[in-house]
PDB file of N, CA and C in Angstrom:
ATOM      1  N   MET A   1       7.563  -1.688 -17.334  1.00  0.00           N
ATOM      2  CA  MET A   1       8.034  -0.386 -16.673  1.00  0.00           C
ATOM      3  C   MET A   1       7.522   0.787 -16.071  1.00  0.00           C
ATOM      4  N   TYR A   2       6.342   1.195 -17.083  1.00  0.00           N
ATOM      5  CA  TYR A   2       5.055   1.974 -16.660  1.00  0.00           C
ATOM      6  C   TYR A   2       4.361   1.070 -15.555  1.00  0.00           C
ATOM      7  N   ALA A   3       4.240   0.292 -15.715  1.00  0.00           N
ATOM      8  CA  ALA A   3       3.210  -0.455 -14.423  1.00  0.00           C
ATOM      9  C   ALA A   3       3.810  -0.787 -13.297  1.00  0.00           C
ATOM     10  N   TYR A   4       5.011  -0.414 -13.218  1.00  0.00           N
ATOM     11  CA  TYR A   4       5.824  -0.459 -12.092  1.00  0.00           C
ATOM     12  C   TYR A   4       6.132   0.321 -11.475  1.00  0.00           C
ATOM     13  N   VAL A   5       6.721   1.571 -12.044  1.00  0.00           N
ATOM     14  CA  VAL A   5       6.349   2.739 -11.601  1.00  0.00           C
ATOM     15  C   VAL A   5       5.142   3.549 -11.061  1.00  0.00           C
ATOM     16  N   ILE A   6       3.741   2.875 -11.645  1.00  0.00           N
ATOM     17  CA  ILE A   6       2.452   3.365 -10.836  1.00  0.00           C
ATOM     18  C   ILE A   6       2.648   2.295  -9.484  1.00  0.00           C
ATOM     19  N   TYR A   7       2.605   1.347  -9.620  1.00  0.00           N
ATOM     20  CA  TYR A   7       2.730   0.413  -8.479  1.00  0.00           C
ATOM     21  C   TYR A   7       3.524   1.110  -7.411  1.00  0.00           C
ATOM     22  N   ARG A   8       4.853   1.537  -7.502  1.00  0.00           N
ATOM     23  CA  ARG A   8       5.894   1.838  -6.841  1.00  0.00           C
ATOM     24  C   ARG A   8       5.223   3.323  -5.896  1.00  0.00           C
ATOM     25  N   ILE A   9       4.528   4.239  -7.348  1.00  0.00           N
ATOM     26  CA  ILE A   9       4.120   5.738  -6.258  1.00  0.00           C
ATOM     27  C   ILE A   9       2.957   5.247  -5.725  1.00  0.00           C
ATOM     28  N   ALA A  10       2.567   4.550  -6.088  1.00  0.00           N
ATOM     29  CA  ALA A  10       0.490   4.570  -5.566  1.00  0.00           C
ATOM     30  C   ALA A  10       1.119   3.384  -3.879  1.00  0.00           C
ATOM     31  N   LEU A  11       2.036   2.792  -4.133  1.00  0.00           N
ATOM     32  CA  LEU A  11       2.430   1.565  -2.890  1.00  0.00           C
ATOM     33  C   LEU A  11       2.923   3.145  -1.890  1.00  0.00           C
ATOM     34  N   SER A  12       3.747   3.900  -2.568  1.00  0.00           N
ATOM     35  CA  SER A  12       4.228   4.705  -1.617  1.00  0.00           C
ATOM     36  C   SER A  12       3.630   5.865  -0.714  1.00  0.00           C
ATOM     37  N   LEU A  13       2.237   6.410  -1.442  1.00  0.00           N
ATOM     38  CA  LEU A  13       0.990   7.502  -1.563  1.00  0.00           C
ATOM     39  C   LEU A  13       0.559   5.971  -0.211  1.00  0.00           C
ATOM     40  N   HIS A  14       0.427   5.273  -0.585  1.00  0.00           N
ATOM     41  CA  HIS A  14      -0.362   4.036   0.545  1.00  0.00           C
ATOM     42  C   HIS A  14      -0.049   4.227   1.978  1.00  0.00           C
ATOM     43  N   LEU A  15       1.223   4.035   1.709  1.00  0.00           N
ATOM     44  CA  LEU A  15       2.086   3.765   3.550  1.00  0.00           C
ATOM     45  C   LEU A  15       1.716   5.146   3.935  1.00  0.00           C
ATOM     46  N   GLU A  16       2.208   6.720   2.961  1.00  0.00           N
ATOM     47  CA  GLU A  16       2.235   8.073   3.864  1.00  0.00           C
ATOM     48  C   GLU A  16       1.002   8.156   4.024  1.00  0.00           C
ATOM     49  N   ILE A  17      -0.388   7.845   3.342  1.00  0.00           N
ATOM     50  CA  ILE A  17      -1.497   8.576   3.550  1.00  0.00           C
ATOM     51  C   ILE A  17      -1.954   7.582   5.220  1.00  0.00           C
ATOM     52  N   PHE A  18      -1.829   6.142   4.847  1.00  0.00           N
ATOM     53  CA  PHE A  18      -2.305   5.355   5.860  1.00  0.00           C
ATOM     54  C   PHE A  18      -1.461   5.772   7.118  1.00  0.00           C
ATOM     55  N   LEU A  19      -0.428   5.565   7.370  1.00  0.00           N
ATOM     56  CA  LEU A  19       0.559   5.830   8.412  1.00  0.00           C
ATOM     57  C   LEU A  19       0.099   7.406   9.095  1.00  0.00           C
ATOM     58  N   GLY A  20      -0.087   8.347   7.941  1.00  0.00           N
ATOM     59  CA  GLY A  20      -0.308   9.524   8.562  1.00  0.00           C
ATOM     60  C   GLY A  20      -1.205   9.661   8.961  1.00  0.00           C
ATOM     61  N   LEU A  21      -2.194   9.253   8.683  1.00  0.00           N
ATOM     62  CA  LEU A  21      -3.856   9.460   9.127  1.00  0.00           C
ATOM     63  C   LEU A  21      -3.621   8.552  10.518  1.00  0.00           C
ATOM     64  N   TRP A  22      -3.354   7.464  10.440  1.00  0.00           N
ATOM     65  CA  TRP A  22      -2.649   6.672  11.849  1.00  0.00           C
ATOM     66  C   TRP A  22      -2.607   7.457  12.881  1.00  0.00           C
ATOM     67  N   VAL A  23      -1.322   7.971  12.399  1.00  0.00           N
ATOM     68  CA  VAL A  23      -0.838   9.304  13.697  1.00  0.00           C
ATOM     69  C   VAL A  23      -1.696  10.017  14.272  1.00  0.00           C
ATOM     70  N   ALA A  24      -2.407  10.796  13.214  1.00  0.00           N
ATOM     71  CA  ALA A  24      -2.687  12.204  13.230  1.00  0.00           C
ATOM     72  C   ALA A  24      -4.364  11.360  13.908  1.00  0.00           C
ATOM     73  N   ILE A  25      -4.784  10.575  14.011  1.00  0.00           N
ATOM     74  CA  ILE A  25      -6.212  10.218  14.221  1.00  0.00           C
ATOM     75  C   ILE A  25      -6.368   9.718  15.678  1.00  0.00           C
ATOM     76  N   MET A  26      -5.411   8.498  15.470  1.00  0.00           N
ATOM     77  CA  MET A  26      -5.441   7.601  16.559  1.00  0.00           C
ATOM     78  C   MET A  26      -4.506   7.784  17.957  1.00  0.00           C
ATOM     79  N   ASN A  27      -3.408   9.198  17.275  1.00  0.00           N
ATOM     80  CA  ASN A  27      -2.434   9.679  18.130  1.00  0.00           C
ATOM     81  C   ASN A  27      -1.628   8.470  18.465  1.00  0.00           C
ATOM     82  N   GLU A  28      -1.616   7.496  18.162  1.00  0.00           N
ATOM     83  CA  GLU A  28      -0.348   6.643  18.480  1.00  0.00           C
ATOM     84  C   GLU A  28       0.415   6.188  17.600  1.00  0.00           C
ATOM     85  N   SER A  29       1.586   5.712  17.939  1.00  0.00           N
ATOM     86  CA  SER A  29       2.918   5.235  16.546  1.00  0.00           C
ATOM     87  C   SER A  29       2.238   3.554  16.242  1.00  0.00           C
ATOM     88  N   LEU A  30       2.806   2.908  15.172  1.00  0.00           N
ATOM     89  CA  LEU A  30       2.351   1.608  14.507  1.00  0.00           C
ATOM     90  C   LEU A  30       3.855   0.800  15.267  1.00  0.00           C
ATOM     91  N   ASN A  31       4.130  -0.002  15.863  1.00  0.00           N
ATOM     92  CA  ASN A  31       4.769  -0.858  15.965  1.00  0.00           C
ATOM     93  C   ASN A  31       6.342  -0.940  14.687  1.00  0.00           C
ATOM     94  N   LEU A  32       7.324  -0.460  15.208  1.00  0.00           N
ATOM     95  CA  LEU A  32       8.209  -1.069  13.985  1.00  0.00           C
ATOM     96  C   LEU A  32       8.268  -2.088  13.271  1.00  0.00           C
ATOM     97  N   GLN A  33       8.090  -3.161  14.327  1.00  0.00           N
ATOM     98  CA  GLN A  33       7.591  -4.899  13.504  1.00  0.00           C
ATOM     99  C   GLN A  33       7.375  -4.868  12.355  1.00  0.00           C
ATOM    100  N   LEU A  34       5.767  -4.086  12.738  1.00  0.00           N
ATOM    101  CA  LEU A  34       4.863  -3.922  11.599  1.00  0.00           C
ATOM    102  C   LEU A  34       5.213  -3.318  10.336  1.00  0.00           C
ATOM    103  N   VAL A  35       5.829  -2.295  10.435  1.00  0.00           N
ATOM    104  CA  VAL A  35       6.144  -0.945   9.419  1.00  0.00           C
ATOM    105  C   VAL A  35       6.841  -2.187   8.777  1.00  0.00           C
ATOM    106  N   VAL A  36       8.251  -2.839   9.105  1.00  0.00           N
ATOM    107  CA  VAL A  36       9.121  -3.643   8.585  1.00  0.00           C
ATOM    108  C   VAL A  36       8.133  -4.857   7.533  1.00  0.00           C
ATOM    109  N   PHE A  37       7.136  -5.767   8.083  1.00  0.00           N
ATOM    110  CA  PHE A  37       6.577  -6.470   7.681  1.00  0.00           C
ATOM    111  C   PHE A  37       5.766  -6.047   6.531  1.00  0.00           C
ATOM    112  N   ILE A  38       5.189  -4.708   6.851  1.00  0.00           N
ATOM    113  CA  ILE A  38       4.282  -4.285   5.485  1.00  0.00           C
ATOM    114  C   ILE A  38       5.508  -3.959   4.183  1.00  0.00           C
ATOM    115  N   ALA A  39       6.770  -3.435   4.826  1.00  0.00           N
ATOM    116  CA  ALA A  39       7.668  -3.234   3.726  1.00  0.00           C
ATOM    117  C   ALA A  39       8.087  -4.167   3.000  1.00  0.00           C
ATOM    118  N   ILE A  40       7.861  -5.128   4.078  1.00  0.00           N
ATOM    119  CA  ILE A  40       8.830  -6.910   3.129  1.00  0.00           C
ATOM    120  C   ILE A  40       7.508  -7.501   2.229  1.00  0.00           C
ATOM    121  N   PHE A  41       6.729  -7.506   2.661  1.00  0.00           N
ATOM    122  CA  PHE A  41       5.636  -7.926   1.543  1.00  0.00           C
ATOM    123  C   PHE A  41       5.519  -7.156   0.789  1.00  0.00           C
ATOM    124  N   ALA A  42       5.512  -5.809   0.428  1.00  0.00           N
ATOM    125  CA  ALA A  42       5.315  -4.935  -0.159  1.00  0.00           C
ATOM    126  C   ALA A  42       6.107  -5.276  -1.329  1.00  0.00           C
ATOM    127  N   ASP A  43       7.614  -5.640  -0.894  1.00  0.00           N
ATOM    128  CA  ASP A  43       7.996  -5.749  -1.927  1.00  0.00           C
ATOM    129  C   ASP A  43       8.408  -7.205  -2.516  1.00  0.00           C
ATOM    130  N   ILE A  44       7.833  -8.533  -1.712  1.00  0.00           N
ATOM    131  CA  ILE A  44       7.564  -9.421  -2.324  1.00  0.00           C
ATOM    132  C   ILE A  44       6.891  -9.490  -3.875  1.00  0.00           C
ATOM    133  N   ALA A  45       5.896  -8.287  -3.747  1.00  0.00           N
ATOM    134  CA  ALA A  45       4.916  -8.058  -5.023  1.00  0.00           C
ATOM    135  C   ALA A  45       5.441  -7.560  -6.041  1.00  0.00           C
ATOM    136  N   THR A  46       6.512  -6.590  -5.581  1.00  0.00           N
ATOM    137  CA  THR A  46       7.898  -5.972  -6.590  1.00  0.00           C
ATOM    138  C   THR A  46       8.661  -7.228  -7.714  1.00  0.00           C
ATOM    139  N   LEU A  47       8.932  -8.132  -6.816  1.00  0.00           N
ATOM    140  CA  LEU A  47       9.886  -9.033  -7.687  1.00  0.00           C
ATOM    141  C   LEU A  47       8.817  -9.852  -8.908  1.00  0.00           C
ATOM    142  N   ALA A  48       7.112  -9.904  -8.787  1.00  0.00           N
ATOM    143  CA  ALA A  48       6.711 -10.519  -9.552  1.00  0.00           C
ATOM    144  C   ALA A  48       6.507  -9.378 -11.096  1.00  0.00           C
ATOM    145  N   ILE A  49       6.733  -8.308 -10.617  1.00  0.00           N
ATOM    146  CA  ILE A  49       6.969  -7.199 -11.552  1.00  0.00           C
ATOM    147  C   ILE A  49       8.020  -6.821 -12.053  1.00  0.00           C
ATOM    148  N   ALA A  50       9.012  -7.367 -11.559  1.00  0.00           N
ATOM    149  CA  ALA A  50      10.460  -6.843 -11.814  1.00  0.00           C
ATOM    150  C   ALA A  50      11.090  -7.699 -12.824  1.00  0.00           C
ATOM    151  N   TYR A  51      10.226  -9.062 -13.326  1.00  0.00           N
ATOM    152  CA  TYR A  51      10.842  -9.795 -14.009  1.00  0.00           C
ATOM    153  C   TYR A  51       9.958  -9.829 -15.189  1.00  0.00           C
ATOM    154  N   ASP A  52       9.697  -8.528 -15.582  1.00  0.00           N
ATOM    155  CA  ASP A  52       9.240  -8.219 -17.224  1.00  0.00           C
ATOM    156  C   ASP A  52       9.814  -8.549 -18.082  1.00  0.00           C
ATOM    157  N   ASN A  53       8.778  -9.384 -19.243  1.00  0.00           N
ATOM    158  CA  ASN A  53       9.680  -9.460 -20.219  1.00  0.00           C
ATOM    159  C   ASN A  53       8.669  -9.120 -21.476  1.00  0.00           C
ATOM    160  N   ALA A  54       8.283  -7.963 -21.072  1.00  0.00           N
ATOM    161  CA  ALA A  54       7.661  -7.122 -22.363  1.00  0.00           C
ATOM    162  C   ALA A  54       8.525  -6.749 -23.763  1.00  0.00           C
ATOM    163  N   PRO A  55       8.416  -6.403 -24.654  1.00  0.00           N
ATOM    164  CA  PRO A  55       9.086  -5.763 -25.784  1.00  0.00           C
ATOM    165  C   PRO A  55       9.457  -4.791 -25.441  1.00  0.00           C
ATOM    166  N   TYR A  56      10.679  -3.816 -25.789  1.00  0.00           N
ATOM    167  CA  TYR A  56      11.205  -2.680 -25.729  1.00  0.00           C
ATOM    168  C   TYR A  56      11.124  -1.814 -26.685  1.00  0.00           C
ATOM    169  N   SER A  57      10.749  -0.619 -26.994  1.00  0.00           N
ATOM    170  CA  SER A  57      11.003   0.170 -28.079  1.00  0.00           C
ATOM    171  C   SER A  57      12.775   1.028 -28.331  1.00  0.00           C
ATOM    172  N   LYS A  58      12.782   0.960 -29.319  1.00  0.00           N
ATOM    173  CA  LYS A  58      13.913   1.067 -29.989  1.00  0.00           C
ATOM    174  C   LYS A  58      14.222   2.444 -30.179  1.00  0.00           C
ATOM    175  N   THR A  59      12.959   3.236 -29.947  1.00  0.00           N
ATOM    176  CA  THR A  59      13.361   4.660 -29.861  1.00  0.00           C
ATOM    177  C   THR A  59      12.659   5.478 -28.526  1.00  0.00           C
ATOM    178  N   PRO A  60      13.022   6.284 -27.994  1.00  0.00           N
ATOM    179  CA  PRO A  60      12.572   6.704 -26.387  1.00  0.00           C
ATOM    180  C   PRO A  60      10.908   6.906 -26.668  1.00  0.00           C
ATOM    181  N   VAL A  61      10.469   6.478 -25.362  1.00  0.00           N
ATOM    182  CA  VAL A  61       8.962   6.208 -25.044  1.00  0.00           C
ATOM    183  C   VAL A  61       8.945   7.541 -24.109  1.00  0.00           C
ATOM    184  N   LYS A  62       7.669   8.594 -25.119  1.00  0.00           N
ATOM    185  CA  LYS A  62       7.634   9.638 -24.084  1.00  0.00           C
ATOM    186  C   LYS A  62       6.003   8.877 -23.267  1.00  0.00           C
ATOM    187  N   TRP A  63       6.542   9.365 -22.125  1.00  0.00           N
ATOM    188  CA  TRP A  63       5.271   8.677 -20.832  1.00  0.00           C
ATOM    189  C   TRP A  63       4.181  10.020 -20.465  1.00  0.00           C
ATOM    190  N   ASN A  64       3.092   9.888 -20.505  1.00  0.00           N
ATOM    191  CA  ASN A  64       2.322  10.630 -20.290  1.00  0.00           C
ATOM    192  C   ASN A  64       1.789  10.900 -18.699  1.00  0.00           C
ATOM    193  N   LEU A  65       2.776  11.305 -18.087  1.00  0.00           N
ATOM    194  CA  LEU A  65       3.063  11.679 -16.844  1.00  0.00           C
ATOM    195  C   LEU A  65       1.448  12.076 -16.543  1.00  0.00           C
ATOM    196  N   PRO A  66       1.095  13.463 -16.395  1.00  0.00           N
ATOM    197  CA  PRO A  66      -0.503  13.040 -16.017  1.00  0.00           C
ATOM    198  C   PRO A  66      -1.151  11.924 -15.763  1.00  0.00           C
ATOM    199  N   ASN A  67      -1.619  11.122 -16.679  1.00  0.00           N
ATOM    200  CA  ASN A  67      -2.271  10.001 -16.497  1.00  0.00           C
ATOM    201  C   ASN A  67      -1.476   9.106 -15.447  1.00  0.00           C
ATOM    202  N   LEU A  68       0.220   8.938 -15.273  1.00  0.00           N
ATOM    203  CA  LEU A  68       1.146   8.031 -14.396  1.00  0.00           C
ATOM    204  C   LEU A  68       0.331   8.391 -13.327  1.00  0.00           C
ATOM    205  N   TRP A  69       0.611   9.791 -12.883  1.00  0.00           N
ATOM    206  CA  TRP A  69       0.457  10.470 -11.383  1.00  0.00           C
ATOM    207  C   TRP A  69      -1.242  10.015 -10.747  1.00  0.00           C
ATOM    208  N   GLY A  70      -1.631  10.520 -11.886  1.00  0.00           N
ATOM    209  CA  GLY A  70      -3.829  10.593 -11.589  1.00  0.00           C
ATOM    210  C   GLY A  70      -3.892   9.074 -11.226  1.00  0.00           C
ATOM    211  N   MET A  71      -3.331   7.794 -12.264  1.00  0.00           N
ATOM    212  CA  MET A  71      -3.794   6.815 -11.696  1.00  0.00           C
ATOM    213  C   MET A  71      -2.739   6.139 -10.775  1.00  0.00           C
ATOM    214  N   SER A  72      -1.910   6.612 -10.160  1.00  0.00           N
ATOM    215  CA  SER A  72      -0.755   6.025  -8.730  1.00  0.00           C
ATOM    216  C   SER A  72      -1.979   6.953  -7.906  1.00  0.00           C
ATOM    217  N   ILE A  73      -1.862   8.143  -7.785  1.00  0.00           N
ATOM    218  CA  ILE A  73      -3.045   8.526  -6.578  1.00  0.00           C
ATOM    219  C   ILE A  73      -4.570   8.267  -6.293  1.00  0.00           C
ATOM    220  N   VAL A  74      -5.103   7.624  -7.574  1.00  0.00           N
ATOM    221  CA  VAL A  74      -6.379   6.887  -7.345  1.00  0.00           C
ATOM    222  C   VAL A  74      -6.039   5.765  -6.757  1.00  0.00           C
ATOM    223  N   LEU A  75      -4.824   5.202  -7.450  1.00  0.00           N
ATOM    224  CA  LEU A  75      -4.553   3.523  -6.474  1.00  0.00           C
ATOM    225  C   LEU A  75      -4.254   3.527  -5.130  1.00  0.00           C
ATOM    226  N   GLY A  76      -3.646   5.162  -4.977  1.00  0.00           N
ATOM    227  CA  GLY A  76      -2.810   5.009  -3.473  1.00  0.00           C
ATOM    228  C   GLY A  76      -4.026   4.892  -2.266  1.00  0.00           C
ATOM    229  N   VAL A  77      -4.878   6.068  -3.042  1.00  0.00           N
ATOM    230  CA  VAL A  77      -6.093   6.811  -2.068  1.00  0.00           C
ATOM    231  C   VAL A  77      -7.017   5.454  -2.153  1.00  0.00           C
ATOM    232  N   ILE A  78      -7.034   4.263  -2.919  1.00  0.00           N
ATOM    233  CA  ILE A  78      -7.952   3.469  -2.948  1.00  0.00           C
ATOM    234  C   ILE A  78      -7.302   2.103  -1.813  1.00  0.00           C
ATOM    235  N   LEU A  79      -5.841   2.161  -2.048  1.00  0.00           N
ATOM    236  CA  LEU A  79      -5.529   0.998  -1.046  1.00  0.00           C
ATOM    237  C   LEU A  79      -4.979   1.864   0.375  1.00  0.00           C
ATOM    238  N   ALA A  80      -5.343   3.185   0.479  1.00  0.00           N
ATOM    239  CA  ALA A  80      -5.475   3.483   2.179  1.00  0.00           C
ATOM    240  C   ALA A  80      -6.462   3.148   2.841  1.00  0.00           C
ATOM    241  N   ALA A  81      -7.816   3.824   1.838  1.00  0.00           N
ATOM    242  CA  ALA A  81      -9.252   3.555   2.326  1.00  0.00           C
ATOM    243  C   ALA A  81      -9.260   2.084   2.731  1.00  0.00           C
ATOM    244  N   GLY A  82      -8.828   1.212   1.605  1.00  0.00           N
ATOM    245  CA  GLY A  82      -9.026  -0.527   2.367  1.00  0.00           C
ATOM    246  C   GLY A  82      -8.117  -0.601   3.751  1.00  0.00           C
ATOM    247  N   THR A  83      -7.031  -0.803   3.724  1.00  0.00           N
ATOM    248  CA  THR A  83      -6.380  -0.714   4.990  1.00  0.00           C
ATOM    249  C   THR A  83      -6.937  -0.080   6.117  1.00  0.00           C
ATOM    250  N   TRP A  84      -7.513   1.135   5.889  1.00  0.00           N
ATOM    251  CA  TRP A  84      -8.207   1.698   6.891  1.00  0.00           C
ATOM    252  C   TRP A  84      -9.589   1.191   7.713  1.00  0.00           C
ATOM    253  N   ILE A  85     -10.380   0.873   6.203  1.00  0.00           N
ATOM    254  CA  ILE A  85     -11.456   0.057   6.782  1.00  0.00           C
ATOM    255  C   ILE A  85     -11.065  -0.776   7.414  1.00  0.00           C
ATOM    256  N   ALA A  86      -9.918  -2.102   6.656  1.00  0.00           N
ATOM    257  CA  ALA A  86      -9.739  -3.319   7.691  1.00  0.00           C
ATOM    258  C   ALA A  86      -9.451  -2.580   9.075  1.00  0.00           C
ATOM    259  N   LEU A  87      -8.650  -2.039   9.384  1.00  0.00           N
ATOM    260  CA  LEU A  87      -8.348  -1.652  10.793  1.00  0.00           C
ATOM    261  C   LEU A  87      -9.319  -0.878  11.804  1.00  0.00           C
ATOM    262  N   SER A  88     -10.284  -0.629  10.759  1.00  0.00           N
ATOM    263  CA  SER A  88     -11.683   0.238  11.655  1.00  0.00           C
ATOM    264  C   SER A  88     -12.312  -0.826  11.844  1.00  0.00           C
ATOM    265  N   THR A  89     -12.362  -2.371  11.343  1.00  0.00           N
ATOM    266  CA  THR A  89     -13.149  -3.550  11.500  1.00  0.00           C
ATOM    267  C   THR A  89     -12.534  -3.801  12.802  1.00  0.00           C
ATOM    268  N   MET A  90     -11.168  -3.586  12.678  1.00  0.00           N
ATOM    269  CA  MET A  90     -10.505  -4.483  13.997  1.00  0.00           C
ATOM    270  C   MET A  90     -10.798  -4.275  15.313  1.00  0.00           C
ATOM    271  N   ILE A  91     -10.817  -2.536  15.193  1.00  0.00           N
ATOM    272  CA  ILE A  91     -10.736  -1.707  16.478  1.00  0.00           C
ATOM    273  C   ILE A  91     -12.527  -2.218  16.669  1.00  0.00           C
ATOM    274  N   ALA A  92     -13.031  -1.665  16.017  1.00  0.00           N
ATOM    275  CA  ALA A  92     -14.777  -2.108  16.264  1.00  0.00           C
ATOM    276  C   ALA A  92     -14.725  -3.393  17.173  1.00  0.00           C
ATOM    277  N   GLY A  93     -14.193  -4.478  16.444  1.00  0.00           N
ATOM    278  CA  GLY A  93     -14.737  -5.844  16.885  1.00  0.00           C
ATOM    279  C   GLY A  93     -14.050  -5.878  18.731  1.00  0.00           C
ATOM    280  N   GLY A  94     -13.030  -5.127  18.585  1.00  0.00           N
ATOM    281  CA  GLY A  94     -12.395  -5.290  20.048  1.00  0.00           C
ATOM    282  C   GLY A  94     -11.181  -6.560  19.932  1.00  0.00           C
ATOM    283  N   GLU A  95     -11.351  -7.032  21.063  1.00  0.00           N
ATOM    284  CA  GLU A  95     -10.696  -8.303  21.135  1.00  0.00           C
ATOM    285  C   GLU A  95     -10.707  -9.585  20.391  1.00  0.00           C
ATOM    286  N   ASP A  96     -12.411  -9.247  19.584  1.00  0.00           N
ATOM    287  CA  ASP A  96     -12.338 -10.741  19.079  1.00  0.00           C
ATOM    288  C   ASP A  96     -12.367 -10.478  17.434  1.00  0.00           C
ATOM    289  N   GLY A  97     -11.386  -9.134  16.875  1.00  0.00           N
ATOM    290  CA  GLY A  97     -10.898  -9.057  15.742  1.00  0.00           C
ATOM    291  C   GLY A  97     -11.829  -8.086  14.722  1.00  0.00           C
ATOM    292  N   GLY A  98     -12.408  -8.159  13.692  1.00  0.00           N
ATOM    293  CA  GLY A  98     -12.807  -7.880  12.585  1.00  0.00           C
ATOM    294  C   GLY A  98     -12.519  -8.271  11.088  1.00  0.00           C
ATOM    295  N   ILE A  99     -12.435  -7.981  10.301  1.00  0.00           N
ATOM    296  CA  ILE A  99     -12.492  -8.515   8.801  1.00  0.00           C
ATOM    297  C   ILE A  99     -11.292  -9.896   9.304  1.00  0.00           C
ATOM    298  N   VAL A 100     -10.202  -9.754  10.465  1.00  0.00           N
ATOM    299  CA  VAL A 100      -9.442 -10.840   9.917  1.00  0.00           C
ATOM    300  C   VAL A 100      -9.962 -11.808  11.448  1.00  0.00           C
ATOM    301  N   GLN A 101     -10.816 -11.952  11.983  1.00  0.00           N
ATOM    302  CA  GLN A 101     -11.049 -12.623  13.031  1.00  0.00           C
ATOM    303  C   GLN A 101     -10.434 -14.182  13.245  1.00  0.00           C
ATOM    304  N   ASN A 102     -10.212 -14.318  14.623  1.00  0.00           N
ATOM    305  CA  ASN A 102      -9.496 -15.745  14.909  1.00  0.00           C
ATOM    306  C   ASN A 102      -8.028 -15.566  14.082  1.00  0.00           C
ATOM    307  N   PHE A 103      -7.308 -14.787  13.923  1.00  0.00           N
ATOM    308  CA  PHE A 103      -5.564 -14.827  13.213  1.00  0.00           C
ATOM    309  C   PHE A 103      -5.037 -13.568  13.778  1.00  0.00           C
ATOM    310  N   GLY A 104      -5.138 -13.367  15.480  1.00  0.00           N
ATOM    311  CA  GLY A 104      -4.757 -12.890  16.257  1.00  0.00           C
ATOM    312  C   GLY A 104      -5.279 -11.558  16.685  1.00  0.00           C
ATOM    313  N   SER A 105      -4.276 -10.528  17.380  1.00  0.00           N
ATOM    314  CA  SER A 105      -5.081  -9.341  17.974  1.00  0.00           C
ATOM    315  C   SER A 105      -4.253  -8.425  16.636  1.00  0.00           C
ATOM    316  N   ARG A 106      -4.442  -6.906  17.124  1.00  0.00           N
ATOM    317  CA  ARG A 106      -4.037  -6.049  16.340  1.00  0.00           C
ATOM    318  C   ARG A 106      -2.739  -5.625  16.297  1.00  0.00           C
ATOM    319  N   ASP A 107      -1.875  -5.865  17.171  1.00  0.00           N
ATOM    320  CA  ASP A 107      -0.613  -5.618  17.123  1.00  0.00           C
ATOM    321  C   ASP A 107       0.320  -6.367  17.341  1.00  0.00           C
ATOM    322  N   GLU A 108       0.237  -7.758  16.870  1.00  0.00           N
ATOM    323  CA  GLU A 108       0.807  -9.007  16.846  1.00  0.00           C
ATOM    324  C   GLU A 108       1.267  -9.147  15.144  1.00  0.00           C
TER     325      GLU A 108
END
């Protein structure tokens, strides 16, 4: 459950940071279909985590919340930076693409 919570917080921060920077820096909005696409594929990864067969404790577990938030923030920022780098290479590459060359244009 701990890993799942870290993953969900990091993913939420990733989307908030990336979409916030997108709107602030690029001064344009993201296609709604792409936002839905991102959300669907983010939830597919959740399915793998949801079937956790880890043993459980019979006594309540005290979570280390500073560690949980710290790890989530670091992972969220790394994900947002990676997404921004991928987008930047596509913008810099123009119609030829970037990291994902030959796989369509930026907003398809």
